[in-house]
Amino acid sequence: MEMIKIIEKTNSFLVEEFEADLSLIHPNARFKEVLDLDSLDYIDLLVVIESNFHFKVQHGDFLSLITFQDFYNYIHTKTEKKAAD
């Protein structure tokens, strides 16, 4: 999947599902600070990612995500790997 499509789709569900402020979402923004999700929200986020991008998210995958660009890259890598399988 193209990166621009990932960004559009991801930003859309972050705004719709988690009431994130779109003006604060940009590649260099700190993912966890902007979203301010609690532990239950993270579970919801895993479900939304899996249903939108059709790959299984591992619980520890988010530990290394700092910025939204890291988040987009993570989804891009996973979708590319799934497409190659």
PDB file of N, CA and C in Angstrom:
ATOM      1  N   MET A   1       0.842  -1.171   0.000  1.00  0.00           N
ATOM      2  CA  MET A   1       0.000   0.000   0.000  1.00  0.00           C
ATOM      3  C   MET A   1       0.891   1.239   0.000  1.00  0.00           C
ATOM      4  N   GLU A   2       0.492   2.234  -0.765  1.00  0.00           N
ATOM      5  CA  GLU A   2       1.266   3.465  -0.844  1.00  0.00           C
ATOM      6  C   GLU A   2       1.228   4.217   0.489  1.00  0.00           C
ATOM      7  N   MET A   3       2.325   4.873   0.796  1.00  0.00           N
ATOM      8  CA  MET A   3       2.435   5.592   2.062  1.00  0.00           C
ATOM      9  C   MET A   3       1.353   6.658   2.198  1.00  0.00           C
ATOM     10  N   ILE A   4       1.046   7.382   1.132  1.00  0.00           N
ATOM     11  CA  ILE A   4       0.028   8.438   1.221  1.00  0.00           C
ATOM     12  C   ILE A   4      -1.332   7.854   1.608  1.00  0.00           C
ATOM     13  N   LYS A   5      -1.649   6.666   1.101  1.00  0.00           N
ATOM     14  CA  LYS A   5      -2.914   6.004   1.446  1.00  0.00           C
ATOM     15  C   LYS A   5      -2.913   5.580   2.918  1.00  0.00           C
ATOM     16  N   ILE A   6      -1.774   5.101   3.379  1.00  0.00           N
ATOM     17  CA  ILE A   6      -1.647   4.715   4.786  1.00  0.00           C
ATOM     18  C   ILE A   6      -1.857   5.923   5.688  1.00  0.00           C
ATOM     19  N   ILE A   7      -1.232   7.029   5.345  1.00  0.00           N
ATOM     20  CA  ILE A   7      -1.355   8.247   6.147  1.00  0.00           C
ATOM     21  C   ILE A   7      -2.797   8.737   6.177  1.00  0.00           C
ATOM     22  N   GLU A   8      -3.439   8.774   5.008  1.00  0.00           N
ATOM     23  CA  GLU A   8      -4.829   9.237   4.934  1.00  0.00           C
ATOM     24  C   GLU A   8      -5.759   8.335   5.745  1.00  0.00           C
ATOM     25  N   LYS A   9      -5.627   7.038   5.547  1.00  0.00           N
ATOM     26  CA  LYS A   9      -6.493   6.081   6.242  1.00  0.00           C
ATOM     27  C   LYS A   9      -6.257   6.112   7.743  1.00  0.00           C
ATOM     28  N   THR A  10      -5.004   6.155   8.136  1.00  0.00           N
ATOM     29  CA  THR A  10      -4.644   6.170   9.549  1.00  0.00           C
ATOM     30  C   THR A  10      -5.141   7.448  10.235  1.00  0.00           C
ATOM     31  N   ASN A  11      -4.864   8.583   9.636  1.00  0.00           N
ATOM     32  CA  ASN A  11      -5.301   9.839  10.231  1.00  0.00           C
ATOM     33  C   ASN A  11      -6.820   9.886  10.341  1.00  0.00           C
ATOM     34  N   SER A  12      -7.493   9.357   9.343  1.00  0.00           N
ATOM     35  CA  SER A  12      -8.954   9.337   9.353  1.00  0.00           C
ATOM     36  C   SER A  12      -9.494   8.554  10.541  1.00  0.00           C
ATOM     37  N   PHE A  13      -8.979   7.337  10.766  1.00  0.00           N
ATOM     38  CA  PHE A  13      -9.528   6.572  11.888  1.00  0.00           C
ATOM     39  C   PHE A  13      -9.053   7.103  13.244  1.00  0.00           C
ATOM     40  N   LEU A  14      -7.902   7.753  13.288  1.00  0.00           N
ATOM     41  CA  LEU A  14      -7.472   8.359  14.558  1.00  0.00           C
ATOM     42  C   LEU A  14      -8.402   9.501  14.956  1.00  0.00           C
ATOM     43  N   VAL A  15      -8.823  10.276  13.975  1.00  0.00           N
ATOM     44  CA  VAL A  15      -9.747  11.384  14.245  1.00  0.00           C
ATOM     45  C   VAL A  15     -11.132  10.848  14.585  1.00  0.00           C
ATOM     46  N   GLU A  16     -11.615   9.898  13.792  1.00  0.00           N
ATOM     47  CA  GLU A  16     -12.966   9.375  13.988  1.00  0.00           C
ATOM     48  C   GLU A  16     -13.109   8.522  15.249  1.00  0.00           C
ATOM     49  N   GLU A  17     -12.204   7.593  15.437  1.00  0.00           N
ATOM     50  CA  GLU A  17     -12.327   6.627  16.527  1.00  0.00           C
ATOM     51  C   GLU A  17     -11.789   7.133  17.874  1.00  0.00           C
ATOM     52  N   PHE A  18     -10.762   7.985  17.817  1.00  0.00           N
ATOM     53  CA  PHE A  18     -10.084   8.396  19.047  1.00  0.00           C
ATOM     54  C   PHE A  18     -10.152   9.896  19.297  1.00  0.00           C
ATOM     55  N   GLU A  19     -10.926  10.595  18.461  1.00  0.00           N
ATOM     56  CA  GLU A  19     -11.132  12.034  18.608  1.00  0.00           C
ATOM     57  C   GLU A  19      -9.823  12.817  18.653  1.00  0.00           C
ATOM     58  N   ALA A  20      -8.848  12.354  17.896  1.00  0.00           N
ATOM     59  CA  ALA A  20      -7.567  13.052  17.824  1.00  0.00           C
ATOM     60  C   ALA A  20      -7.749  14.351  17.036  1.00  0.00           C
ATOM     61  N   ASP A  21      -6.984  15.344  17.396  1.00  0.00           N
ATOM     62  CA  ASP A  21      -7.014  16.640  16.708  1.00  0.00           C
ATOM     63  C   ASP A  21      -6.119  16.522  15.473  1.00  0.00           C
ATOM     64  N   LEU A  22      -6.738  16.572  14.293  1.00  0.00           N
ATOM     65  CA  LEU A  22      -5.989  16.395  13.043  1.00  0.00           C
ATOM     66  C   LEU A  22      -4.870  17.423  12.902  1.00  0.00           C
ATOM     67  N   SER A  23      -5.062  18.617  13.421  1.00  0.00           N
ATOM     68  CA  SER A  23      -4.029  19.652  13.292  1.00  0.00           C
ATOM     69  C   SER A  23      -2.759  19.308  14.069  1.00  0.00           C
ATOM     70  N   LEU A  24      -2.855  18.388  15.028  1.00  0.00           N
ATOM     71  CA  LEU A  24      -1.685  17.977  15.811  1.00  0.00           C
ATOM     72  C   LEU A  24      -0.976  16.757  15.239  1.00  0.00           C
ATOM     73  N   ILE A  25      -1.623  16.111  14.263  1.00  0.00           N
ATOM     74  CA  ILE A  25      -1.054  14.895  13.676  1.00  0.00           C
ATOM     75  C   ILE A  25      -0.195  15.265  12.478  1.00  0.00           C
ATOM     76  N   HIS A  26       1.097  15.088  12.629  1.00  0.00           N
ATOM     77  CA  HIS A  26       2.046  15.291  11.533  1.00  0.00           C
ATOM     78  C   HIS A  26       3.226  14.343  11.770  1.00  0.00           C
ATOM     79  N   PRO A  27       3.997  14.067  10.737  1.00  0.00           N
ATOM     80  CA  PRO A  27       5.034  13.024  10.828  1.00  0.00           C
ATOM     81  C   PRO A  27       5.980  13.142  12.020  1.00  0.00           C
ATOM     82  N   ASN A  28       6.353  14.340  12.412  1.00  0.00           N
ATOM     83  CA  ASN A  28       7.323  14.494  13.497  1.00  0.00           C
ATOM     84  C   ASN A  28       6.702  14.621  14.878  1.00  0.00           C
ATOM     85  N   ALA A  29       5.364  14.659  14.940  1.00  0.00           N
ATOM     86  CA  ALA A  29       4.692  14.772  16.243  1.00  0.00           C
ATOM     87  C   ALA A  29       4.855  13.470  17.013  1.00  0.00           C
ATOM     88  N   ARG A  30       4.918  13.580  18.308  1.00  0.00           N
ATOM     89  CA  ARG A  30       5.094  12.412  19.172  1.00  0.00           C
ATOM     90  C   ARG A  30       3.757  11.685  19.315  1.00  0.00           C
ATOM     91  N   PHE A  31       3.735  10.483  18.821  1.00  0.00           N
ATOM     92  CA  PHE A  31       2.547   9.648  18.705  1.00  0.00           C
ATOM     93  C   PHE A  31       1.783   9.523  20.025  1.00  0.00           C
ATOM     94  N   LYS A  32       2.443   9.077  21.056  1.00  0.00           N
ATOM     95  CA  LYS A  32       1.780   8.801  22.333  1.00  0.00           C
ATOM     96  C   LYS A  32       1.293  10.071  23.018  1.00  0.00           C
ATOM     97  N   GLU A  33       2.039  11.155  22.877  1.00  0.00           N
ATOM     98  CA  GLU A  33       1.651  12.401  23.527  1.00  0.00           C
ATOM     99  C   GLU A  33       0.444  13.047  22.854  1.00  0.00           C
ATOM    100  N   VAL A  34       0.397  13.013  21.536  1.00  0.00           N
ATOM    101  CA  VAL A  34      -0.722  13.613  20.813  1.00  0.00           C
ATOM    102  C   VAL A  34      -2.008  12.822  21.055  1.00  0.00           C
ATOM    103  N   LEU A  35      -1.918  11.510  20.995  1.00  0.00           N
ATOM    104  CA  LEU A  35      -3.118  10.690  21.142  1.00  0.00           C
ATOM    105  C   LEU A  35      -3.566  10.554  22.591  1.00  0.00           C
ATOM    106  N   ASP A  36      -2.639  10.547  23.532  1.00  0.00           N
ATOM    107  CA  ASP A  36      -2.936  10.437  24.957  1.00  0.00           C
ATOM    108  C   ASP A  36      -3.919   9.293  25.243  1.00  0.00           C
ATOM    109  N   LEU A  37      -3.561   8.106  24.771  1.00  0.00           N
ATOM    110  CA  LEU A  37      -4.426   6.937  24.915  1.00  0.00           C
ATOM    111  C   LEU A  37      -4.147   6.211  26.220  1.00  0.00           C
ATOM    112  N   ASP A  38      -5.197   5.683  26.821  1.00  0.00           N
ATOM    113  CA  ASP A  38      -5.003   4.826  27.982  1.00  0.00           C
ATOM    114  C   ASP A  38      -4.862   3.378  27.502  1.00  0.00           C
ATOM    115  N   SER A  39      -4.688   2.449  28.417  1.00  0.00           N
ATOM    116  CA  SER A  39      -4.427   1.061  28.028  1.00  0.00           C
ATOM    117  C   SER A  39      -5.587   0.444  27.251  1.00  0.00           C
ATOM    118  N   LEU A  40      -6.812   0.785  27.594  1.00  0.00           N
ATOM    119  CA  LEU A  40      -7.958   0.274  26.839  1.00  0.00           C
ATOM    120  C   LEU A  40      -8.019   0.864  25.438  1.00  0.00           C
ATOM    121  N   ASP A  41      -7.641   2.137  25.301  1.00  0.00           N
ATOM    122  CA  ASP A  41      -7.593   2.764  23.983  1.00  0.00           C
ATOM    123  C   ASP A  41      -6.570   2.070  23.084  1.00  0.00           C
ATOM    124  N   TYR A  42      -5.442   1.646  23.675  1.00  0.00           N
ATOM    125  CA  TYR A  42      -4.436   0.943  22.877  1.00  0.00           C
ATOM    126  C   TYR A  42      -4.983  -0.380  22.347  1.00  0.00           C
ATOM    127  N   ILE A  43      -5.762  -1.049  23.137  1.00  0.00           N
ATOM    128  CA  ILE A  43      -6.385  -2.292  22.669  1.00  0.00           C
ATOM    129  C   ILE A  43      -7.337  -1.985  21.521  1.00  0.00           C
ATOM    130  N   ASP A  44      -8.119  -0.935  21.667  1.00  0.00           N
ATOM    131  CA  ASP A  44      -9.010  -0.517  20.581  1.00  0.00           C
ATOM    132  C   ASP A  44      -8.217  -0.154  19.334  1.00  0.00           C
ATOM    133  N   LEU A  45      -7.088   0.515  19.526  1.00  0.00           N
ATOM    134  CA  LEU A  45      -6.247   0.897  18.396  1.00  0.00           C
ATOM    135  C   LEU A  45      -5.723  -0.337  17.665  1.00  0.00           C
ATOM    136  N   LEU A  46      -5.311  -1.351  18.409  1.00  0.00           N
ATOM    137  CA  LEU A  46      -4.849  -2.592  17.781  1.00  0.00           C
ATOM    138  C   LEU A  46      -5.954  -3.199  16.922  1.00  0.00           C
ATOM    139  N   VAL A  47      -7.153  -3.217  17.448  1.00  0.00           N
ATOM    140  CA  VAL A  47      -8.289  -3.784  16.712  1.00  0.00           C
ATOM    141  C   VAL A  47      -8.571  -2.974  15.447  1.00  0.00           C
ATOM    142  N   VAL A  48      -8.533  -1.662  15.545  1.00  0.00           N
ATOM    143  CA  VAL A  48      -8.798  -0.801  14.392  1.00  0.00           C
ATOM    144  C   VAL A  48      -7.715  -0.993  13.327  1.00  0.00           C
ATOM    145  N   ILE A  49      -6.466  -1.082  13.735  1.00  0.00           N
ATOM    146  CA  ILE A  49      -5.378  -1.308  12.774  1.00  0.00           C
ATOM    147  C   ILE A  49      -5.567  -2.651  12.077  1.00  0.00           C
ATOM    148  N   GLU A  50      -5.822  -3.686  12.854  1.00  0.00           N
ATOM    149  CA  GLU A  50      -5.992  -5.024  12.274  1.00  0.00           C
ATOM    150  C   GLU A  50      -7.173  -5.064  11.304  1.00  0.00           C
ATOM    151  N   SER A  51      -8.265  -4.392  11.631  1.00  0.00           N
ATOM    152  CA  SER A  51      -9.427  -4.428  10.745  1.00  0.00           C
ATOM    153  C   SER A  51      -9.234  -3.566   9.499  1.00  0.00           C
ATOM    154  N   ASN A  52      -8.455  -2.506   9.595  1.00  0.00           N
ATOM    155  CA  ASN A  52      -8.229  -1.634   8.447  1.00  0.00           C
ATOM    156  C   ASN A  52      -7.111  -2.105   7.527  1.00  0.00           C
ATOM    157  N   PHE A  53      -6.091  -2.739   8.113  1.00  0.00           N
ATOM    158  CA  PHE A  53      -4.916  -3.098   7.317  1.00  0.00           C
ATOM    159  C   PHE A  53      -4.699  -4.604   7.197  1.00  0.00           C
ATOM    160  N   HIS A  54      -5.483  -5.383   7.900  1.00  0.00           N
ATOM    161  CA  HIS A  54      -5.511  -6.846   7.750  1.00  0.00           C
ATOM    162  C   HIS A  54      -4.174  -7.528   8.050  1.00  0.00           C
ATOM    163  N   PHE A  55      -3.569  -7.136   9.151  1.00  0.00           N
ATOM    164  CA  PHE A  55      -2.419  -7.862   9.671  1.00  0.00           C
ATOM    165  C   PHE A  55      -2.520  -7.881  11.185  1.00  0.00           C
ATOM    166  N   LYS A  56      -1.870  -8.839  11.794  1.00  0.00           N
ATOM    167  CA  LYS A  56      -1.902  -9.013  13.244  1.00  0.00           C
ATOM    168  C   LYS A  56      -0.850  -8.116  13.892  1.00  0.00           C
ATOM    169  N   VAL A  57      -1.284  -7.321  14.842  1.00  0.00           N
ATOM    170  CA  VAL A  57      -0.390  -6.445  15.586  1.00  0.00           C
ATOM    171  C   VAL A  57       0.092  -7.194  16.821  1.00  0.00           C
ATOM    172  N   GLN A  58       1.379  -7.211  17.031  1.00  0.00           N
ATOM    173  CA  GLN A  58       1.958  -7.812  18.225  1.00  0.00           C
ATOM    174  C   GLN A  58       1.920  -6.783  19.350  1.00  0.00           C
ATOM    175  N   HIS A  59       1.626  -7.231  20.541  1.00  0.00           N
ATOM    176  CA  HIS A  59       1.431  -6.327  21.675  1.00  0.00           C
ATOM    177  C   HIS A  59       2.614  -5.378  21.895  1.00  0.00           C
ATOM    178  N   GLY A  60       3.821  -5.835  21.755  1.00  0.00           N
ATOM    179  CA  GLY A  60       5.001  -5.012  22.007  1.00  0.00           C
ATOM    180  C   GLY A  60       5.429  -4.136  20.855  1.00  0.00           C
ATOM    181  N   ASP A  61       4.751  -4.230  19.722  1.00  0.00           N
ATOM    182  CA  ASP A  61       5.156  -3.463  18.541  1.00  0.00           C
ATOM    183  C   ASP A  61       5.159  -1.952  18.770  1.00  0.00           C
ATOM    184  N   PHE A  62       4.296  -1.454  19.630  1.00  0.00           N
ATOM    185  CA  PHE A  62       4.177  -0.020  19.812  1.00  0.00           C
ATOM    186  C   PHE A  62       5.263   0.570  20.699  1.00  0.00           C
ATOM    187  N   LEU A  63       6.036  -0.268  21.355  1.00  0.00           N
ATOM    188  CA  LEU A  63       7.054   0.234  22.272  1.00  0.00           C
ATOM    189  C   LEU A  63       8.099   1.098  21.570  1.00  0.00           C
ATOM    190  N   SER A  64       8.394   0.792  20.330  1.00  0.00           N
ATOM    191  CA  SER A  64       9.439   1.532  19.618  1.00  0.00           C
ATOM    192  C   SER A  64       8.889   2.685  18.782  1.00  0.00           C
ATOM    193  N   LEU A  65       7.589   2.898  18.788  1.00  0.00           N
ATOM    194  CA  LEU A  65       6.997   3.972  17.990  1.00  0.00           C
ATOM    195  C   LEU A  65       7.043   5.277  18.773  1.00  0.00           C
ATOM    196  N   ILE A  66       7.743   6.250  18.230  1.00  0.00           N
ATOM    197  CA  ILE A  66       7.867   7.545  18.886  1.00  0.00           C
ATOM    198  C   ILE A  66       7.018   8.597  18.157  1.00  0.00           C
ATOM    199  N   THR A  67       7.213   8.713  16.869  1.00  0.00           N
ATOM    200  CA  THR A  67       6.516   9.737  16.082  1.00  0.00           C
ATOM    201  C   THR A  67       5.429   9.103  15.212  1.00  0.00           C
ATOM    202  N   PHE A  68       4.606   9.954  14.647  1.00  0.00           N
ATOM    203  CA  PHE A  68       3.605   9.451  13.708  1.00  0.00           C
ATOM    204  C   PHE A  68       4.283   8.834  12.486  1.00  0.00           C
ATOM    205  N   GLN A  69       5.442   9.364  12.093  1.00  0.00           N
ATOM    206  CA  GLN A  69       6.158   8.757  10.968  1.00  0.00           C
ATOM    207  C   GLN A  69       6.564   7.333  11.309  1.00  0.00           C
ATOM    208  N   ASP A  70       6.988   7.093  12.534  1.00  0.00           N
ATOM    209  CA  ASP A  70       7.293   5.727  12.973  1.00  0.00           C
ATOM    210  C   ASP A  70       6.053   4.842  12.841  1.00  0.00           C
ATOM    211  N   PHE A  71       4.910   5.368  13.223  1.00  0.00           N
ATOM    212  CA  PHE A  71       3.641   4.644  13.144  1.00  0.00           C
ATOM    213  C   PHE A  71       3.297   4.326  11.694  1.00  0.00           C
ATOM    214  N   TYR A  72       3.405   5.333  10.817  1.00  0.00           N
ATOM    215  CA  TYR A  72       3.127   5.108   9.388  1.00  0.00           C
ATOM    216  C   TYR A  72       4.103   4.085   8.797  1.00  0.00           C
ATOM    217  N   ASN A  73       5.374   4.205   9.151  1.00  0.00           N
ATOM    218  CA  ASN A  73       6.384   3.266   8.644  1.00  0.00           C
ATOM    219  C   ASN A  73       6.091   1.843   9.114  1.00  0.00           C
ATOM    220  N   TYR A  74       5.676   1.712  10.357  1.00  0.00           N
ATOM    221  CA  TYR A  74       5.324   0.401  10.906  1.00  0.00           C
ATOM    222  C   TYR A  74       4.205  -0.233  10.079  1.00  0.00           C
ATOM    223  N   ILE A  75       3.147   0.525   9.844  1.00  0.00           N
ATOM    224  CA  ILE A  75       2.028  -0.007   9.059  1.00  0.00           C
ATOM    225  C   ILE A  75       2.472  -0.320   7.639  1.00  0.00           C
ATOM    226  N   HIS A  76       3.269   0.553   7.051  1.00  0.00           N
ATOM    227  CA  HIS A  76       3.761   0.321   5.684  1.00  0.00           C
ATOM    228  C   HIS A  76       4.579  -0.962   5.608  1.00  0.00           C
ATOM    229  N   THR A  77       5.481  -1.150   6.545  1.00  0.00           N
ATOM    230  CA  THR A  77       6.321  -2.351   6.569  1.00  0.00           C
ATOM    231  C   THR A  77       5.472  -3.611   6.704  1.00  0.00           C
ATOM    232  N   LYS A  78       4.508  -3.563   7.616  1.00  0.00           N
ATOM    233  CA  LYS A  78       3.637  -4.734   7.846  1.00  0.00           C
ATOM    234  C   LYS A  78       2.774  -5.039   6.617  1.00  0.00           C
ATOM    235  N   THR A  79       2.220  -4.010   5.979  1.00  0.00           N
ATOM    236  CA  THR A  79       1.380  -4.250   4.806  1.00  0.00           C
ATOM    237  C   THR A  79       2.196  -4.744   3.619  1.00  0.00           C
ATOM    238  N   GLU A  80       3.413  -4.229   3.477  1.00  0.00           N
ATOM    239  CA  GLU A  80       4.291  -4.703   2.401  1.00  0.00           C
ATOM    240  C   GLU A  80       4.682  -6.165   2.624  1.00  0.00           C
ATOM    241  N   LYS A  81       4.989  -6.495   3.863  1.00  0.00           N
ATOM    242  CA  LYS A  81       5.352  -7.889   4.191  1.00  0.00           C
ATOM    243  C   LYS A  81       4.174  -8.829   3.928  1.00  0.00           C
ATOM    244  N   LYS A  82       2.979  -8.393   4.318  1.00  0.00           N
ATOM    245  CA  LYS A  82       1.795  -9.212   4.106  1.00  0.00           C
ATOM    246  C   LYS A  82       1.537  -9.404   2.615  1.00  0.00           C
ATOM    247  N   ALA A  83       1.734  -8.350   1.820  1.00  0.00           N
ATOM    248  CA  ALA A  83       1.526  -8.433   0.381  1.00  0.00           C
ATOM    249  C   ALA A  83       2.529  -9.388  -0.278  1.00  0.00           C
ATOM    250  N   ALA A  84       3.741  -9.452   0.278  1.00  0.00           N
ATOM    251  CA  ALA A  84       4.780 -10.318  -0.275  1.00  0.00           C
ATOM    252  C   ALA A  84       4.570 -11.793   0.076  1.00  0.00           C
ATOM    253  N   ASP A  85       3.837 -12.061   1.150  1.00  0.00           N
ATOM    254  CA  ASP A  85       3.611 -13.455   1.593  1.00  0.00           C
ATOM    255  C   ASP A  85       2.646 -14.191   0.712  1.00  0.00           C
TER     256      ASP A  85
END
